[in-house]
Amino acid sequence: MKPTRRLRAPISGVLVLAAALGGVTQASASDLETLRERAQEVADQVSSYEHRLSDLESEQARLETEIASADRELATLELERHRREESFLAAQARYVERAIEAYKAGAMGGQLEMLLSARTLPEMLTLAEASEQAASLDSDELDDLIVARRESERAEERIDARKQRLMAAQNQVAVVTTEISGTLEERRLALEEMSSRLEELERQARRAAERAPEPDALEQLLAGAPTGPSGSGGPSTGIPQGFVGTGVTFEGIASWYGPGFEGNSTANGDIFDPSKFTAASKTLPLGSWLYVEHEGRGVVVYVNDRGPYVGDRVLDLSEASAQAIGISGLGWIEAEVVLKK
């Protein structure tokens, strides 16, 4: 029956123990990377909202210009309408005055006296024609002025309707501007908080780096060279000197990788070297140390990569790490998170 993978203690216990021993920082590289990604997303949102606000401000300015133009057109039309109204009233007065004069003269009375006063027939015809043309002109002028007045009123109505639409659009832009301004302020505050948190995590990372082993010592350890009186690098039958167990253990199937990956960057930025004692994990914080055991043989490995992503495998060991504990393909391992003293 195939053994099942089990976790004997929560991985979060690693950070608690690490803090107590002063061995590692409480902020892992994955914490920093995750927060940087979130901060970048919020920064992109802030930039997007700022551009949107700039566009809205331009739209407000355009609408204000158009509304001002509509006001000027309305003012011009109002003056023109007053002028035409005055002309209409004057023409109407002349028309009424002539009608009253004609009424007072009696039906054809005044015209008859005017016609009889003519000395010749051509003069009589001219006077009759002039009288008829004057009446026709009065009537035509009134008709033209009425039409012009109606056109002015319709033009005013059209421009006023356009102005109302522009003002409605302006109000809508103002509403959206207020909403986006509020959201932008929230995003800016969130970005400030994230930036402060990032600074704190980076300070923690710097403090951890100051407590980290010297590069040469770390390189020797990863290469399996002895680093203490009894040697803490390479294969061992128990947790070697220089490390302390945390009680956080797990087990499962491990695989190994090497050929074809030499020179590639690992998840934490290291250059992969199959001859070094390293491992890839899907969940453990990068920079963790593990004591990995297989059939009585154990080795300390440094987690600097992500994987494996095949089946239920729990670790992907470097070629050197796998060979050190006798794994040539797949093997069942027991592992404990350890801390470097």
Protein backbone atom coordinates (compact mmCIF):
# COMPACT_ATOMS: atom_id res chain seq x y z
CA MET A 1 0.00 0.00 0.00
CA LYS A 2 1.41 3.39 -0.99
CA PRO A 3 2.21 5.56 2.06
CA THR A 4 0.38 8.84 2.26
CA ARG A 5 2.01 12.22 2.67
CA ARG A 6 1.44 13.78 6.07
CA LEU A 7 2.46 17.01 7.74
CA ARG A 8 3.37 16.59 11.40
CA ALA A 9 3.45 20.31 12.33
CA PRO A 10 2.24 23.50 10.63
CA ILE A 11 4.81 25.17 8.40
CA SER A 12 3.93 28.48 10.08
CA GLY A 13 5.75 27.10 13.10
CA VAL A 14 9.01 27.63 11.22
CA LEU A 15 8.74 31.40 11.49
CA VAL A 16 7.82 31.24 15.17
CA LEU A 17 10.81 29.07 16.00
CA ALA A 18 13.06 31.13 13.80
CA ALA A 19 12.07 34.32 15.61
CA ALA A 20 12.70 32.68 18.97
CA LEU A 21 16.17 31.48 17.94
CA GLY A 22 17.05 34.67 16.06
CA GLY A 23 18.04 32.54 13.07
CA VAL A 24 15.90 34.08 10.29
CA THR A 25 13.74 37.10 9.63
CA GLN A 26 9.96 36.97 9.97
CA ALA A 27 9.65 38.27 6.42
CA SER A 28 10.37 35.73 3.68
CA ALA A 29 11.32 36.53 0.11
CA SER A 30 7.89 35.34 -1.01
CA ASP A 31 6.28 37.82 1.43
CA LEU A 32 8.25 40.65 -0.13
CA GLU A 33 7.55 39.51 -3.68
CA THR A 34 3.81 39.10 -3.02
CA LEU A 35 3.56 42.52 -1.41
CA ARG A 36 5.58 44.11 -4.21
CA GLU A 37 3.20 42.60 -6.77
CA ARG A 38 0.15 43.86 -4.85
CA ALA A 39 1.72 47.30 -4.45
CA GLN A 40 2.43 47.41 -8.19
CA GLU A 41 -1.18 46.50 -8.96
CA VAL A 42 -2.43 49.31 -6.70
CA ALA A 43 0.12 51.73 -8.20
CA ASP A 44 -1.16 50.82 -11.67
CA GLN A 45 -4.72 51.47 -10.47
CA VAL A 46 -3.68 54.85 -9.07
CA SER A 47 -2.06 55.75 -12.39
CA SER A 48 -5.15 54.62 -14.30
CA TYR A 49 -7.50 56.66 -12.08
CA GLU A 50 -5.25 59.71 -12.37
CA HIS A 51 -5.39 59.48 -16.17
CA ARG A 52 -9.16 59.03 -16.00
CA LEU A 53 -9.48 62.14 -13.82
CA SER A 54 -7.35 64.09 -16.27
CA ASP A 55 -9.66 63.00 -19.11
CA LEU A 56 -12.72 64.01 -17.06
CA GLU A 57 -11.22 67.42 -16.34
CA SER A 58 -10.66 67.90 -20.08
CA GLU A 59 -14.26 66.82 -20.73
CA GLN A 60 -15.52 69.29 -18.12
CA ALA A 61 -13.55 72.10 -19.77
CA ARG A 62 -14.96 71.16 -23.19
CA LEU A 63 -18.53 71.10 -21.87
CA GLU A 64 -18.07 74.46 -20.16
CA THR A 65 -16.80 75.94 -23.44
CA GLU A 66 -19.79 74.58 -25.35
CA ILE A 67 -22.25 75.80 -22.71
CA ALA A 68 -20.67 79.27 -22.85
CA SER A 69 -20.96 79.19 -26.65
CA ALA A 70 -24.64 78.20 -26.39
CA ASP A 71 -25.22 81.08 -23.96
CA ARG A 72 -23.68 83.51 -26.44
CA GLU A 73 -25.83 82.15 -29.26
CA LEU A 74 -28.94 82.45 -27.10
CA ALA A 75 -28.05 86.05 -26.22
CA THR A 76 -27.58 86.90 -29.90
CA LEU A 77 -30.88 85.26 -30.82
CA GLU A 78 -32.62 87.06 -27.99
CA LEU A 79 -31.42 90.42 -29.32
CA GLU A 80 -32.43 89.46 -32.85
CA ARG A 81 -35.83 88.32 -31.65
CA HIS A 82 -36.40 91.62 -29.84
CA ARG A 83 -35.38 93.52 -32.96
CA ARG A 84 -37.79 91.51 -35.10
CA GLU A 85 -40.51 91.91 -32.50
CA GLU A 86 -40.10 95.67 -32.65
CA SER A 87 -40.19 95.58 -36.47
CA PHE A 88 -43.30 93.41 -36.34
CA LEU A 89 -45.05 95.76 -33.92
CA ALA A 90 -44.15 98.78 -36.10
CA ALA A 91 -45.43 97.06 -39.26
CA GLN A 92 -48.54 95.94 -37.46
CA ALA A 93 -49.21 99.54 -36.32
CA ARG A 94 -48.83 100.83 -39.88
CA TYR A 95 -51.15 98.14 -41.19
CA VAL A 96 -53.79 98.93 -38.56
CA GLU A 97 -53.44 102.67 -39.15
CA ARG A 98 -54.06 102.25 -42.88
CA ALA A 99 -56.99 99.98 -42.21
CA ILE A 100 -58.51 102.56 -39.87
CA GLU A 101 -57.98 105.33 -42.44
CA ALA A 102 -59.63 103.21 -45.11
CA TYR A 103 -62.54 102.50 -42.78
CA LYS A 104 -62.97 106.20 -41.97
CA ALA A 105 -62.92 107.13 -45.65
CA GLY A 106 -65.79 104.77 -46.24
CA ALA A 107 -66.07 101.94 -48.69
CA MET A 108 -64.25 103.15 -51.82
CA GLY A 109 -64.99 106.77 -50.68
CA GLY A 110 -61.44 107.88 -50.17
CA GLN A 111 -60.19 105.94 -53.13
CA LEU A 112 -62.90 107.39 -55.33
CA GLU A 113 -61.97 110.99 -54.41
CA MET A 114 -58.31 110.16 -55.07
CA LEU A 115 -59.09 108.67 -58.45
CA LEU A 116 -61.41 111.57 -59.45
CA SER A 117 -58.64 114.02 -58.62
CA ALA A 118 -56.52 112.58 -61.42
CA ARG A 119 -56.29 114.86 -64.42
CA THR A 120 -55.64 112.07 -66.95
CA LEU A 121 -56.47 108.40 -67.35
CA PRO A 122 -52.83 107.23 -67.00
CA GLU A 123 -52.57 109.18 -63.72
CA MET A 124 -55.78 107.53 -62.47
CA LEU A 125 -54.42 104.06 -63.26
CA THR A 126 -51.11 104.85 -61.53
CA LEU A 127 -52.89 106.04 -58.35
CA ALA A 128 -55.08 102.95 -58.24
CA GLU A 129 -52.08 100.64 -58.72
CA ALA A 130 -50.05 102.45 -56.04
CA SER A 131 -52.83 102.09 -53.49
CA GLU A 132 -53.14 98.36 -54.15
CA GLN A 133 -49.36 97.82 -53.97
CA ALA A 134 -49.12 99.68 -50.63
CA ALA A 135 -51.76 97.44 -49.08
CA SER A 136 -50.04 94.34 -50.48
CA LEU A 137 -46.64 95.42 -49.16
CA ASP A 138 -48.04 96.02 -45.69
CA SER A 139 -49.54 92.54 -45.67
CA ASP A 140 -46.37 90.86 -47.04
CA GLU A 141 -44.18 92.63 -44.51
CA LEU A 142 -46.35 91.39 -41.67
CA ASP A 143 -46.26 87.82 -43.04
CA ASP A 144 -42.44 87.92 -43.38
CA LEU A 145 -41.99 89.25 -39.87
CA ILE A 146 -44.29 86.58 -38.42
CA VAL A 147 -42.27 83.84 -40.18
CA ALA A 148 -38.97 85.37 -38.99
CA ARG A 149 -40.24 85.56 -35.42
CA ARG A 150 -41.25 81.88 -35.47
CA GLU A 151 -37.84 80.88 -36.87
CA SER A 152 -36.09 82.80 -34.11
CA GLU A 153 -38.21 81.10 -31.46
CA ARG A 154 -37.50 77.65 -32.92
CA ALA A 155 -33.75 78.43 -33.09
CA GLU A 156 -33.80 79.50 -29.44
CA GLU A 157 -35.64 76.31 -28.49
CA ARG A 158 -33.06 74.16 -30.31
CA ILE A 159 -30.10 75.92 -28.73
CA ASP A 160 -31.68 75.85 -25.29
CA ALA A 161 -32.32 72.10 -25.65
CA ARG A 162 -28.65 71.62 -26.63
CA LYS A 163 -27.59 73.65 -23.61
CA GLN A 164 -29.74 71.50 -21.32
CA ARG A 165 -28.15 68.33 -22.75
CA LEU A 166 -24.67 69.80 -22.21
CA MET A 167 -25.52 70.73 -18.62
CA ALA A 168 -26.86 67.22 -17.96
CA ALA A 169 -23.63 65.76 -19.36
CA GLN A 170 -21.64 68.17 -17.20
CA ASN A 171 -23.52 67.02 -14.09
CA GLN A 172 -22.85 63.38 -14.96
CA VAL A 173 -19.15 64.08 -15.45
CA ALA A 174 -19.10 65.82 -12.06
CA VAL A 175 -20.69 62.75 -10.41
CA VAL A 176 -18.17 60.36 -12.01
CA THR A 177 -15.32 62.71 -11.10
CA THR A 178 -16.39 62.69 -7.44
CA GLU A 179 -16.63 58.88 -7.41
CA ILE A 180 -13.23 58.38 -9.03
CA SER A 181 -11.63 61.01 -6.77
CA GLY A 182 -12.87 59.07 -3.73
CA THR A 183 -11.62 55.76 -5.09
CA LEU A 184 -8.29 57.32 -6.05
CA GLU A 185 -7.82 58.63 -2.51
CA GLU A 186 -8.52 55.14 -1.12
CA ARG A 187 -5.98 53.57 -3.50
CA ARG A 188 -3.37 56.19 -2.60
CA LEU A 189 -3.83 55.49 1.11
CA ALA A 190 -3.58 51.73 0.47
CA LEU A 191 -0.41 52.28 -1.56
CA GLU A 192 1.10 54.33 1.26
CA GLU A 193 0.33 51.55 3.74
CA MET A 194 1.82 48.92 1.42
CA SER A 195 4.91 51.05 0.86
CA SER A 196 5.38 51.37 4.63
CA ARG A 197 4.95 47.60 5.02
CA LEU A 198 7.42 46.99 2.20
CA GLU A 199 9.98 49.21 3.89
CA GLU A 200 9.53 47.27 7.13
CA LEU A 201 9.88 43.89 5.38
CA GLU A 202 12.96 45.11 3.54
CA ARG A 203 14.48 46.22 6.85
CA GLN A 204 13.78 42.76 8.23
CA ALA A 205 15.39 41.22 5.15
CA ARG A 206 18.48 43.40 5.59
CA ARG A 207 18.75 42.41 9.24
CA ALA A 208 18.44 38.76 8.23
CA ALA A 209 21.12 39.22 5.59
CA GLU A 210 23.45 40.65 8.23
CA ARG A 211 22.97 37.48 10.31
CA ALA A 212 23.35 35.14 7.32
CA PRO A 213 26.49 33.05 6.86
CA GLU A 214 29.34 34.53 4.91
CA PRO A 215 29.09 33.70 1.17
CA ASP A 216 32.16 31.47 1.28
CA ALA A 217 30.83 29.48 4.23
CA LEU A 218 27.42 29.09 2.59
CA GLU A 219 29.05 27.98 -0.65
CA GLN A 220 31.07 25.36 1.23
CA LEU A 221 27.99 24.15 3.05
CA LEU A 222 25.98 23.79 -0.15
CA ALA A 223 28.89 21.97 -1.72
CA GLY A 224 28.95 19.47 1.17
CA ALA A 225 32.26 20.57 2.69
CA PRO A 226 32.67 20.14 6.49
CA THR A 227 31.92 23.40 8.31
CA GLY A 228 32.34 22.33 11.92
CA PRO A 229 34.39 20.00 14.12
CA SER A 230 32.28 17.02 13.13
CA GLY A 231 31.26 18.39 9.76
CA SER A 232 27.79 19.75 8.99
CA GLY A 233 27.84 19.48 5.20
CA GLY A 234 27.25 16.40 3.09
CA PRO A 235 25.53 13.13 4.09
CA SER A 236 24.94 12.38 7.78
CA THR A 237 23.00 9.98 9.95
CA GLY A 238 21.24 12.71 11.87
CA ILE A 239 20.86 16.47 12.01
CA PRO A 240 24.46 17.63 11.80
CA GLN A 241 26.23 20.02 14.13
CA GLY A 242 25.47 23.65 13.31
CA PHE A 243 21.74 23.03 12.82
CA VAL A 244 18.82 22.54 15.19
CA GLY A 245 15.56 20.74 14.49
CA THR A 246 12.21 22.52 14.70
CA GLY A 247 9.88 19.54 15.02
CA VAL A 248 8.16 20.59 11.78
CA THR A 249 8.32 17.43 9.68
CA PHE A 250 6.72 15.94 6.61
CA GLU A 251 7.23 12.97 4.30
CA GLY A 252 6.39 11.91 0.80
CA ILE A 253 7.80 11.12 -2.62
CA ALA A 254 10.86 13.09 -3.76
CA SER A 255 12.37 13.30 -7.21
CA TRP A 256 15.60 14.91 -8.45
CA TYR A 257 16.70 17.22 -11.24
CA GLY A 258 20.02 18.20 -12.72
CA PRO A 259 20.90 17.60 -16.39
CA GLY A 260 19.49 20.32 -18.62
CA PHE A 261 18.94 22.76 -15.76
CA GLU A 262 22.56 23.78 -15.11
CA GLY A 263 23.00 27.55 -15.28
CA ASN A 264 19.27 28.34 -15.03
CA SER A 265 18.09 30.85 -12.44
CA THR A 266 16.28 29.39 -9.44
CA ALA A 267 13.22 30.97 -7.83
CA ASN A 268 15.33 33.05 -5.42
CA GLY A 269 17.78 34.20 -8.12
CA ASP A 270 20.58 31.68 -7.51
CA ILE A 271 22.19 29.94 -10.46
CA PHE A 272 21.28 26.25 -10.35
CA ASP A 273 24.23 23.93 -9.82
CA PRO A 274 23.30 20.21 -9.66
CA SER A 275 26.44 19.54 -7.61
CA LYS A 276 25.19 21.69 -4.71
CA PHE A 277 22.92 20.46 -1.91
CA THR A 278 19.72 22.32 -2.79
CA ALA A 279 16.05 21.49 -3.27
CA ALA A 280 12.83 22.82 -4.78
CA SER A 281 9.58 23.02 -2.79
CA LYS A 282 6.12 24.20 -3.80
CA THR A 283 5.22 25.65 -0.39
CA LEU A 284 8.21 26.13 1.92
CA PRO A 285 9.61 29.67 2.15
CA LEU A 286 12.65 30.19 -0.06
CA GLY A 287 15.78 30.18 2.10
CA SER A 288 14.52 27.38 4.35
CA TRP A 289 16.86 24.56 5.45
CA LEU A 290 15.72 20.91 5.51
CA TYR A 291 17.20 17.74 6.87
CA VAL A 292 16.09 15.10 4.32
CA GLU A 293 16.41 11.36 5.11
CA HIS A 294 16.00 8.30 2.88
CA GLU A 295 16.56 4.74 4.09
CA GLY A 296 18.77 5.81 6.97
CA ARG A 297 20.87 8.32 5.04
CA GLY A 298 20.32 12.04 5.47
CA VAL A 299 21.50 15.36 4.11
CA VAL A 300 20.86 19.04 4.82
CA VAL A 301 19.55 20.92 1.78
CA TYR A 302 18.84 24.57 1.08
CA VAL A 303 15.43 25.44 -0.49
CA ASN A 304 16.07 27.95 -3.32
CA ASP A 305 13.65 26.85 -6.06
CA ARG A 306 10.00 26.00 -6.72
CA GLY A 307 8.63 22.59 -7.69
CA PRO A 308 8.05 19.77 -8.32
CA TYR A 309 4.76 20.09 -10.19
CA VAL A 310 4.23 16.41 -10.99
CA GLY A 311 1.76 14.28 -9.07
CA ASP A 312 2.05 14.30 -5.28
CA ARG A 313 5.82 14.77 -5.10
CA VAL A 314 6.85 16.87 -2.10
CA LEU A 315 10.44 17.79 -3.05
CA ASP A 316 12.68 18.02 -6.07
CA LEU A 317 16.26 17.40 -4.92
CA SER A 318 19.37 18.50 -6.74
CA GLU A 319 21.38 15.68 -8.31
CA ALA A 320 24.02 15.84 -5.55
CA SER A 321 21.40 15.79 -2.78
CA ALA A 322 19.61 12.79 -4.30
CA GLN A 323 22.85 10.84 -4.79
CA ALA A 324 23.92 11.60 -1.21
CA ILE A 325 20.93 9.72 0.19
CA GLY A 326 20.75 7.04 -2.48
CA ILE A 327 17.86 8.22 -4.65
CA SER A 328 18.36 7.52 -8.35
CA GLY A 329 14.78 8.10 -9.51
CA LEU A 330 11.95 8.52 -7.04
CA GLY A 331 12.22 7.84 -3.34
CA TRP A 332 10.21 8.14 -0.16
CA ILE A 333 11.78 10.72 2.14
CA GLU A 334 11.22 12.08 5.60
CA ALA A 335 12.15 15.73 6.11
CA GLU A 336 12.40 18.14 9.02
CA VAL A 337 12.70 21.91 8.83
CA VAL A 338 15.92 22.91 10.56
CA LEU A 339 17.48 26.21 11.52
CA LYS A 340 21.12 27.13 11.25
CA LYS A 341 22.63 28.06 14.59
